N, C-alpha and C. Protein backbone atom coordinates (compact mmCIF):
# COMPACT_ATOMS: atom_id res chain seq x y z
N MET A 1 -9.39 -2.77 -33.43
CA MET A 1 -8.33 -2.16 -32.66
C MET A 1 -8.37 -0.64 -32.78
N THR A 2 -8.82 -0.14 -33.92
CA THR A 2 -8.89 1.30 -34.12
C THR A 2 -9.91 1.93 -33.17
N GLN A 3 -11.04 1.27 -32.97
CA GLN A 3 -12.06 1.80 -32.07
C GLN A 3 -11.52 1.88 -30.65
N ARG A 4 -10.79 0.86 -30.21
CA ARG A 4 -10.23 0.85 -28.86
C ARG A 4 -9.20 1.97 -28.71
N THR A 5 -8.39 2.20 -29.71
CA THR A 5 -7.39 3.26 -29.66
C THR A 5 -8.05 4.63 -29.61
N SER A 6 -9.13 4.84 -30.38
CA SER A 6 -9.78 6.14 -30.38
C SER A 6 -10.49 6.41 -29.06
N VAL A 7 -11.04 5.37 -28.42
CA VAL A 7 -11.66 5.55 -27.12
C VAL A 7 -10.59 5.91 -26.09
N TRP A 8 -9.47 5.22 -26.14
CA TRP A 8 -8.34 5.51 -25.25
C TRP A 8 -7.87 6.94 -25.45
N SER A 9 -7.77 7.36 -26.69
CA SER A 9 -7.33 8.72 -26.99
C SER A 9 -8.32 9.74 -26.44
N GLY A 10 -9.58 9.43 -26.50
CA GLY A 10 -10.60 10.33 -25.96
C GLY A 10 -10.50 10.48 -24.45
N TRP A 11 -10.24 9.38 -23.75
CA TRP A 11 -10.09 9.45 -22.31
C TRP A 11 -8.87 10.28 -21.92
N ILE A 12 -7.78 10.11 -22.63
CA ILE A 12 -6.58 10.89 -22.31
C ILE A 12 -6.79 12.37 -22.62
N SER A 13 -7.50 12.66 -23.70
CA SER A 13 -7.81 14.06 -24.02
C SER A 13 -8.68 14.66 -22.92
N PHE A 14 -9.65 13.89 -22.44
CA PHE A 14 -10.50 14.34 -21.34
C PHE A 14 -9.66 14.61 -20.10
N ALA A 15 -8.76 13.68 -19.76
CA ALA A 15 -7.90 13.85 -18.58
C ALA A 15 -7.00 15.07 -18.73
N THR A 16 -6.52 15.32 -19.94
CA THR A 16 -5.68 16.48 -20.19
C THR A 16 -6.43 17.77 -19.90
N VAL A 17 -7.64 17.88 -20.41
CA VAL A 17 -8.45 19.09 -20.20
C VAL A 17 -8.78 19.24 -18.72
N MET A 18 -9.17 18.15 -18.08
CA MET A 18 -9.55 18.23 -16.67
C MET A 18 -8.36 18.57 -15.78
N LEU A 19 -7.19 17.96 -16.04
CA LEU A 19 -6.00 18.30 -15.25
C LEU A 19 -5.65 19.77 -15.40
N THR A 20 -5.75 20.28 -16.60
CA THR A 20 -5.44 21.69 -16.84
C THR A 20 -6.44 22.58 -16.11
N MET A 21 -7.72 22.21 -16.13
CA MET A 21 -8.73 23.01 -15.42
C MET A 21 -8.54 22.94 -13.91
N ILE A 22 -8.26 21.75 -13.37
CA ILE A 22 -8.05 21.63 -11.92
C ILE A 22 -6.81 22.43 -11.52
N GLY A 23 -5.77 22.39 -12.34
CA GLY A 23 -4.59 23.20 -12.08
C GLY A 23 -4.90 24.69 -12.09
N ALA A 24 -5.73 25.12 -13.03
CA ALA A 24 -6.12 26.53 -13.09
C ALA A 24 -6.94 26.91 -11.86
N PHE A 25 -7.84 26.02 -11.43
CA PHE A 25 -8.61 26.28 -10.20
C PHE A 25 -7.67 26.43 -9.01
N ASN A 26 -6.66 25.58 -8.94
CA ASN A 26 -5.70 25.67 -7.83
C ASN A 26 -4.92 26.98 -7.88
N ILE A 27 -4.55 27.42 -9.07
CA ILE A 27 -3.83 28.69 -9.18
C ILE A 27 -4.70 29.85 -8.71
N VAL A 28 -5.97 29.84 -9.10
CA VAL A 28 -6.88 30.90 -8.65
C VAL A 28 -7.05 30.84 -7.13
N GLU A 29 -7.19 29.62 -6.59
CA GLU A 29 -7.33 29.47 -5.14
C GLU A 29 -6.07 29.94 -4.42
N GLY A 30 -4.89 29.64 -4.97
CA GLY A 30 -3.64 30.08 -4.38
C GLY A 30 -3.48 31.59 -4.41
N LEU A 31 -3.85 32.18 -5.55
CA LEU A 31 -3.78 33.65 -5.64
C LEU A 31 -4.73 34.31 -4.65
N ALA A 32 -5.92 33.74 -4.49
CA ALA A 32 -6.88 34.30 -3.53
C ALA A 32 -6.34 34.19 -2.11
N ALA A 33 -5.69 33.06 -1.81
CA ALA A 33 -5.12 32.90 -0.47
C ALA A 33 -3.98 33.89 -0.24
N LEU A 34 -3.14 34.11 -1.27
CA LEU A 34 -2.04 35.06 -1.13
C LEU A 34 -2.54 36.50 -1.00
N MET A 35 -3.61 36.84 -1.73
CA MET A 35 -4.15 38.20 -1.64
C MET A 35 -4.84 38.45 -0.30
N THR A 36 -5.44 37.41 0.26
CA THR A 36 -6.12 37.57 1.54
C THR A 36 -5.11 37.69 2.67
N GLY A 37 -4.06 36.89 2.60
CA GLY A 37 -3.00 36.96 3.61
C GLY A 37 -3.36 36.24 4.89
N THR A 38 -4.23 36.83 5.68
CA THR A 38 -4.65 36.20 6.93
C THR A 38 -6.16 36.30 7.05
N ILE A 39 -6.71 35.32 7.75
CA ILE A 39 -8.14 35.40 8.07
C ILE A 39 -8.27 35.21 9.57
N SER A 40 -9.29 35.79 10.12
CA SER A 40 -9.55 35.61 11.55
C SER A 40 -11.03 35.33 11.74
N PHE A 41 -11.30 34.47 12.69
CA PHE A 41 -12.67 34.12 13.01
C PHE A 41 -12.73 33.72 14.47
N ILE A 42 -13.95 33.66 14.99
CA ILE A 42 -14.15 33.28 16.38
C ILE A 42 -14.71 31.87 16.40
N ASP A 43 -14.02 31.00 17.15
CA ASP A 43 -14.43 29.61 17.26
C ASP A 43 -14.55 29.26 18.74
N GLU A 44 -15.76 28.98 19.18
CA GLU A 44 -16.04 28.64 20.58
C GLU A 44 -15.48 29.69 21.54
N GLY A 45 -15.67 30.94 21.19
CA GLY A 45 -15.24 32.03 22.06
C GLY A 45 -13.78 32.40 21.96
N LEU A 46 -13.03 31.74 21.07
CA LEU A 46 -11.61 32.04 20.91
C LEU A 46 -11.39 32.71 19.56
N LEU A 47 -10.52 33.69 19.54
CA LEU A 47 -10.15 34.36 18.30
C LEU A 47 -9.06 33.54 17.62
N VAL A 48 -9.31 33.11 16.40
CA VAL A 48 -8.36 32.30 15.65
C VAL A 48 -7.89 33.11 14.45
N VAL A 49 -6.57 33.27 14.32
CA VAL A 49 -5.98 33.99 13.20
C VAL A 49 -5.14 32.99 12.40
N VAL A 50 -5.40 32.90 11.11
CA VAL A 50 -4.72 31.92 10.26
C VAL A 50 -3.99 32.67 9.16
N ASN A 51 -2.71 32.36 8.99
CA ASN A 51 -1.91 32.92 7.91
C ASN A 51 -2.02 32.00 6.69
N LEU A 52 -2.47 32.53 5.58
CA LEU A 52 -2.72 31.73 4.39
C LEU A 52 -1.58 31.77 3.37
N THR A 53 -0.45 32.38 3.71
CA THR A 53 0.63 32.53 2.74
C THR A 53 1.19 31.19 2.31
N VAL A 54 1.49 30.31 3.25
CA VAL A 54 2.05 29.00 2.90
C VAL A 54 1.05 28.19 2.10
N TRP A 55 -0.21 28.21 2.54
CA TRP A 55 -1.26 27.49 1.80
C TRP A 55 -1.36 28.02 0.36
N GLY A 56 -1.29 29.33 0.21
CA GLY A 56 -1.38 29.93 -1.12
C GLY A 56 -0.23 29.53 -2.02
N VAL A 57 0.99 29.53 -1.48
CA VAL A 57 2.16 29.16 -2.27
C VAL A 57 2.08 27.68 -2.67
N LEU A 58 1.72 26.82 -1.71
CA LEU A 58 1.61 25.38 -2.03
C LEU A 58 0.52 25.12 -3.07
N THR A 59 -0.57 25.83 -2.97
CA THR A 59 -1.65 25.66 -3.94
C THR A 59 -1.23 26.17 -5.32
N LEU A 60 -0.50 27.27 -5.35
CA LEU A 60 0.03 27.76 -6.64
C LEU A 60 0.97 26.75 -7.28
N VAL A 61 1.87 26.18 -6.49
CA VAL A 61 2.84 25.22 -7.02
C VAL A 61 2.12 23.96 -7.51
N SER A 62 1.16 23.47 -6.71
CA SER A 62 0.45 22.27 -7.16
C SER A 62 -0.38 22.55 -8.42
N GLY A 63 -0.94 23.74 -8.52
CA GLY A 63 -1.67 24.10 -9.73
C GLY A 63 -0.78 24.14 -10.95
N ALA A 64 0.42 24.71 -10.79
CA ALA A 64 1.36 24.76 -11.91
C ALA A 64 1.80 23.36 -12.31
N LEU A 65 2.04 22.49 -11.31
CA LEU A 65 2.43 21.10 -11.63
C LEU A 65 1.30 20.35 -12.34
N LEU A 66 0.07 20.55 -11.89
CA LEU A 66 -1.06 19.89 -12.55
C LEU A 66 -1.22 20.36 -14.00
N ILE A 67 -1.03 21.65 -14.23
CA ILE A 67 -1.12 22.15 -15.61
C ILE A 67 0.02 21.59 -16.45
N ALA A 68 1.23 21.55 -15.91
CA ALA A 68 2.37 21.02 -16.65
C ALA A 68 2.17 19.55 -17.02
N VAL A 69 1.68 18.78 -16.07
CA VAL A 69 1.45 17.35 -16.34
C VAL A 69 0.29 17.19 -17.32
N GLY A 70 -0.73 18.02 -17.18
CA GLY A 70 -1.85 17.97 -18.13
C GLY A 70 -1.39 18.26 -19.55
N LEU A 71 -0.53 19.24 -19.69
CA LEU A 71 -0.01 19.55 -21.03
C LEU A 71 0.96 18.47 -21.51
N GLY A 72 1.66 17.82 -20.58
CA GLY A 72 2.53 16.70 -20.95
C GLY A 72 1.75 15.50 -21.46
N LEU A 73 0.51 15.37 -21.04
CA LEU A 73 -0.32 14.26 -21.53
C LEU A 73 -0.72 14.43 -22.99
N ILE A 74 -0.59 15.64 -23.51
CA ILE A 74 -0.91 15.85 -24.93
C ILE A 74 -0.02 14.99 -25.81
N SER A 75 1.24 14.82 -25.38
CA SER A 75 2.18 14.01 -26.16
C SER A 75 2.04 12.52 -25.88
N ARG A 76 1.07 12.15 -25.03
CA ARG A 76 0.81 10.74 -24.67
C ARG A 76 2.02 10.10 -23.99
N SER A 77 2.76 10.87 -23.23
CA SER A 77 3.95 10.38 -22.54
C SER A 77 3.55 9.52 -21.35
N GLU A 78 4.20 8.36 -21.20
CA GLU A 78 3.94 7.50 -20.05
C GLU A 78 4.42 8.14 -18.76
N VAL A 79 5.52 8.89 -18.83
CA VAL A 79 6.02 9.57 -17.64
C VAL A 79 5.00 10.60 -17.16
N ALA A 80 4.43 11.34 -18.08
CA ALA A 80 3.41 12.33 -17.72
C ALA A 80 2.18 11.64 -17.15
N ARG A 81 1.85 10.48 -17.67
CA ARG A 81 0.69 9.75 -17.20
C ARG A 81 0.88 9.27 -15.76
N VAL A 82 2.04 8.70 -15.47
CA VAL A 82 2.33 8.24 -14.11
C VAL A 82 2.38 9.43 -13.16
N ALA A 83 3.02 10.51 -13.58
CA ALA A 83 3.08 11.71 -12.75
C ALA A 83 1.68 12.27 -12.50
N ALA A 84 0.83 12.21 -13.50
CA ALA A 84 -0.54 12.71 -13.34
C ALA A 84 -1.31 11.87 -12.33
N VAL A 85 -1.14 10.56 -12.38
CA VAL A 85 -1.83 9.69 -11.41
C VAL A 85 -1.37 10.02 -10.00
N VAL A 86 -0.06 10.19 -9.81
CA VAL A 86 0.47 10.50 -8.47
C VAL A 86 -0.02 11.87 -8.01
N LEU A 87 0.07 12.87 -8.87
CA LEU A 87 -0.33 14.23 -8.48
C LEU A 87 -1.83 14.32 -8.19
N ILE A 88 -2.64 13.68 -8.99
CA ILE A 88 -4.08 13.79 -8.78
C ILE A 88 -4.50 13.02 -7.54
N ALA A 89 -3.80 11.93 -7.21
CA ALA A 89 -4.09 11.22 -5.97
C ALA A 89 -3.70 12.07 -4.76
N LEU A 90 -2.55 12.74 -4.83
CA LEU A 90 -2.15 13.66 -3.75
C LEU A 90 -3.13 14.83 -3.63
N HIS A 91 -3.59 15.31 -4.77
CA HIS A 91 -4.55 16.41 -4.77
C HIS A 91 -5.84 16.00 -4.06
N ALA A 92 -6.30 14.78 -4.32
CA ALA A 92 -7.51 14.29 -3.66
C ALA A 92 -7.30 14.18 -2.15
N LEU A 93 -6.12 13.74 -1.72
CA LEU A 93 -5.84 13.65 -0.28
C LEU A 93 -5.80 15.03 0.36
N VAL A 94 -5.22 16.00 -0.33
CA VAL A 94 -5.19 17.37 0.21
C VAL A 94 -6.60 17.92 0.31
N GLN A 95 -7.42 17.66 -0.69
CA GLN A 95 -8.81 18.14 -0.64
C GLN A 95 -9.58 17.45 0.48
N LEU A 96 -9.23 16.21 0.76
CA LEU A 96 -9.87 15.49 1.87
C LEU A 96 -9.52 16.17 3.20
N SER A 97 -8.30 16.67 3.31
CA SER A 97 -7.91 17.36 4.54
C SER A 97 -8.60 18.71 4.68
N ALA A 98 -9.03 19.31 3.58
CA ALA A 98 -9.72 20.60 3.63
C ALA A 98 -11.24 20.45 3.66
N LEU A 99 -11.71 19.22 3.83
CA LEU A 99 -13.15 18.95 3.77
C LEU A 99 -13.94 19.70 4.84
N ALA A 100 -13.39 19.82 6.04
CA ALA A 100 -14.12 20.50 7.11
C ALA A 100 -14.26 21.99 6.84
N ALA A 101 -13.25 22.60 6.24
CA ALA A 101 -13.29 24.04 6.00
C ALA A 101 -14.13 24.41 4.78
N PHE A 102 -14.00 23.61 3.72
CA PHE A 102 -14.71 23.90 2.47
C PHE A 102 -15.40 22.64 1.96
N PRO A 103 -16.52 22.24 2.55
CA PRO A 103 -17.10 20.93 2.21
C PRO A 103 -17.57 20.80 0.76
N VAL A 104 -18.26 21.78 0.24
CA VAL A 104 -18.77 21.66 -1.13
C VAL A 104 -17.63 21.67 -2.14
N TRP A 105 -16.71 22.60 -1.97
CA TRP A 105 -15.58 22.72 -2.90
C TRP A 105 -14.71 21.46 -2.85
N SER A 106 -14.44 20.98 -1.65
CA SER A 106 -13.60 19.80 -1.51
C SER A 106 -14.25 18.57 -2.12
N LEU A 107 -15.54 18.38 -1.90
CA LEU A 107 -16.23 17.23 -2.49
C LEU A 107 -16.27 17.32 -4.02
N LEU A 108 -16.46 18.52 -4.54
CA LEU A 108 -16.42 18.71 -5.99
C LEU A 108 -15.05 18.36 -6.56
N MET A 109 -13.99 18.83 -5.91
CA MET A 109 -12.64 18.55 -6.39
C MET A 109 -12.29 17.07 -6.26
N ILE A 110 -12.72 16.42 -5.17
CA ILE A 110 -12.47 14.99 -5.01
C ILE A 110 -13.19 14.21 -6.10
N ALA A 111 -14.41 14.60 -6.41
CA ALA A 111 -15.16 13.92 -7.48
C ALA A 111 -14.45 14.08 -8.82
N LEU A 112 -13.98 15.29 -9.11
CA LEU A 112 -13.23 15.51 -10.35
C LEU A 112 -11.93 14.70 -10.36
N ASP A 113 -11.27 14.60 -9.22
CA ASP A 113 -10.04 13.81 -9.13
C ASP A 113 -10.30 12.34 -9.42
N VAL A 114 -11.39 11.82 -8.89
CA VAL A 114 -11.73 10.40 -9.14
C VAL A 114 -12.02 10.17 -10.61
N VAL A 115 -12.73 11.08 -11.24
CA VAL A 115 -13.02 10.94 -12.68
C VAL A 115 -11.73 11.00 -13.49
N VAL A 116 -10.83 11.89 -13.14
CA VAL A 116 -9.55 11.99 -13.85
C VAL A 116 -8.71 10.74 -13.62
N LEU A 117 -8.70 10.22 -12.40
CA LEU A 117 -7.98 8.96 -12.14
C LEU A 117 -8.53 7.83 -12.99
N PHE A 118 -9.84 7.77 -13.12
CA PHE A 118 -10.45 6.76 -13.99
C PHE A 118 -10.00 6.95 -15.42
N ALA A 119 -10.04 8.19 -15.88
CA ALA A 119 -9.65 8.47 -17.27
C ALA A 119 -8.20 8.09 -17.54
N LEU A 120 -7.35 8.26 -16.55
CA LEU A 120 -5.93 7.96 -16.74
C LEU A 120 -5.64 6.46 -16.65
N THR A 121 -6.45 5.73 -15.91
CA THR A 121 -6.13 4.33 -15.68
C THR A 121 -7.09 3.36 -16.36
N VAL A 122 -8.07 3.84 -17.10
CA VAL A 122 -9.05 2.95 -17.71
C VAL A 122 -8.41 2.03 -18.76
N HIS A 123 -7.39 2.47 -19.41
CA HIS A 123 -6.72 1.63 -20.41
C HIS A 123 -5.22 1.81 -20.26
N TRP A 124 -4.64 1.00 -19.43
CA TRP A 124 -3.19 1.03 -19.28
C TRP A 124 -2.63 0.11 -20.34
N PRO A 125 -1.55 0.47 -21.01
CA PRO A 125 -1.01 -0.40 -22.06
C PRO A 125 -0.66 -1.78 -21.52
N ASP A 126 -0.95 -2.81 -22.33
CA ASP A 126 -0.63 -4.16 -21.93
C ASP A 126 0.88 -4.35 -21.87
N ARG A 127 1.32 -5.15 -20.92
CA ARG A 127 2.75 -5.46 -20.83
C ARG A 127 3.10 -6.44 -21.92
N VAL A 128 4.25 -6.26 -22.50
CA VAL A 128 4.70 -7.17 -23.55
C VAL A 128 5.24 -8.42 -22.87
N ALA A 129 4.70 -9.56 -23.29
CA ALA A 129 5.14 -10.82 -22.70
C ALA A 129 6.57 -11.10 -23.14
N GLU A 130 7.37 -11.60 -22.21
CA GLU A 130 8.75 -11.91 -22.56
C GLU A 130 8.77 -13.10 -23.50
N ALA A 131 9.73 -13.09 -24.40
CA ALA A 131 9.81 -14.15 -25.40
C ALA A 131 10.13 -15.48 -24.74
N GLN A 132 9.41 -16.51 -25.16
CA GLN A 132 9.65 -17.86 -24.67
C GLN A 132 10.80 -18.46 -25.48
N PRO A 133 11.67 -19.27 -24.86
CA PRO A 133 12.76 -19.87 -25.62
C PRO A 133 12.21 -20.82 -26.68
N ALA A 134 12.82 -20.74 -27.85
CA ALA A 134 12.37 -21.59 -28.97
C ALA A 134 12.86 -23.01 -28.73
N GLY A 135 12.06 -23.94 -29.13
CA GLY A 135 12.43 -25.34 -28.98
C GLY A 135 11.18 -26.19 -28.87
N PRO A 136 11.36 -27.51 -28.85
CA PRO A 136 10.18 -28.37 -28.79
C PRO A 136 9.51 -28.24 -27.43
N ALA A 137 8.22 -28.23 -27.48
CA ALA A 137 7.45 -28.14 -26.25
C ALA A 137 7.34 -29.52 -25.64
N VAL A 138 7.74 -29.65 -24.45
CA VAL A 138 7.68 -30.92 -23.75
C VAL A 138 6.58 -30.81 -22.72
N ALA A 139 5.56 -31.65 -22.89
CA ALA A 139 4.46 -31.65 -21.96
C ALA A 139 4.70 -32.71 -20.91
N ALA A 140 4.64 -32.34 -19.71
CA ALA A 140 4.85 -33.30 -18.63
C ALA A 140 3.56 -34.07 -18.40
N ALA A 141 3.71 -35.38 -18.28
CA ALA A 141 2.55 -36.23 -18.03
C ALA A 141 2.13 -36.05 -16.59
N PRO A 142 0.84 -35.91 -16.39
CA PRO A 142 0.40 -35.73 -15.01
C PRO A 142 0.64 -37.01 -14.22
N SER A 143 1.18 -36.85 -13.04
CA SER A 143 1.43 -38.02 -12.21
C SER A 143 0.59 -37.95 -10.97
N THR A 144 0.08 -39.09 -10.59
CA THR A 144 -0.72 -39.18 -9.38
C THR A 144 0.01 -40.10 -8.43
N PRO A 145 -0.16 -39.94 -7.16
CA PRO A 145 0.55 -40.78 -6.21
C PRO A 145 0.24 -42.27 -6.37
N ALA A 146 -0.99 -42.61 -6.78
CA ALA A 146 -1.35 -44.03 -6.88
C ALA A 146 -0.67 -44.71 -8.07
N SER A 147 -0.47 -43.96 -9.17
CA SER A 147 0.09 -44.57 -10.36
C SER A 147 1.59 -44.40 -10.47
N ALA A 148 2.20 -43.76 -9.49
CA ALA A 148 3.64 -43.50 -9.59
C ALA A 148 4.46 -44.78 -9.46
N GLY A 149 4.02 -45.73 -8.64
CA GLY A 149 4.82 -46.94 -8.43
C GLY A 149 4.38 -48.14 -9.26
N THR A 150 3.28 -48.06 -9.97
CA THR A 150 2.80 -49.22 -10.74
C THR A 150 3.19 -49.10 -12.19
N PRO A 151 3.70 -50.16 -12.76
CA PRO A 151 4.08 -50.10 -14.19
C PRO A 151 2.83 -50.15 -15.06
N ARG A 152 2.94 -49.55 -16.23
CA ARG A 152 1.82 -49.52 -17.18
C ARG A 152 1.95 -50.70 -18.13
N PRO A 153 0.82 -51.30 -18.50
CA PRO A 153 0.89 -52.42 -19.44
C PRO A 153 1.30 -51.94 -20.82
N ALA A 154 2.10 -52.76 -21.50
CA ALA A 154 2.54 -52.41 -22.86
C ALA A 154 1.40 -52.64 -23.82
N ALA A 155 1.24 -51.78 -24.76
CA ALA A 155 0.15 -51.92 -25.71
C ALA A 155 0.57 -52.56 -27.00
């Protein structure tokens, strides 16, 4: 049992470090978006101007949440673990939406998200079985339709 516990502890430590790093990456990405402000490019002969302020703020907030949940996993809290699974799944979906704009970065982040999800869910604590009522165990005799109406010979 000790070996299983130490392996579980290693996976959670790995998830903690990775969540903190992914959160830090998001904070850097958010700061870069806020510093850039707007970008403009030409797409099929049209000038496209994109304001990155909202994207930057959302990325900063998600980065801070990922770091907070990653640090909450240090205490092995179940609440932090569930929150981490939800946040990292949302992060993967957001990266999927950014796949066309940043294909390499998005695929790298999705891969990291999948590894972190595995680390968080590889050993979920077993549910405690509810206590069975104490008393004599009564085993029901199997009944078949053919033998239901025929009496058994006395031995």
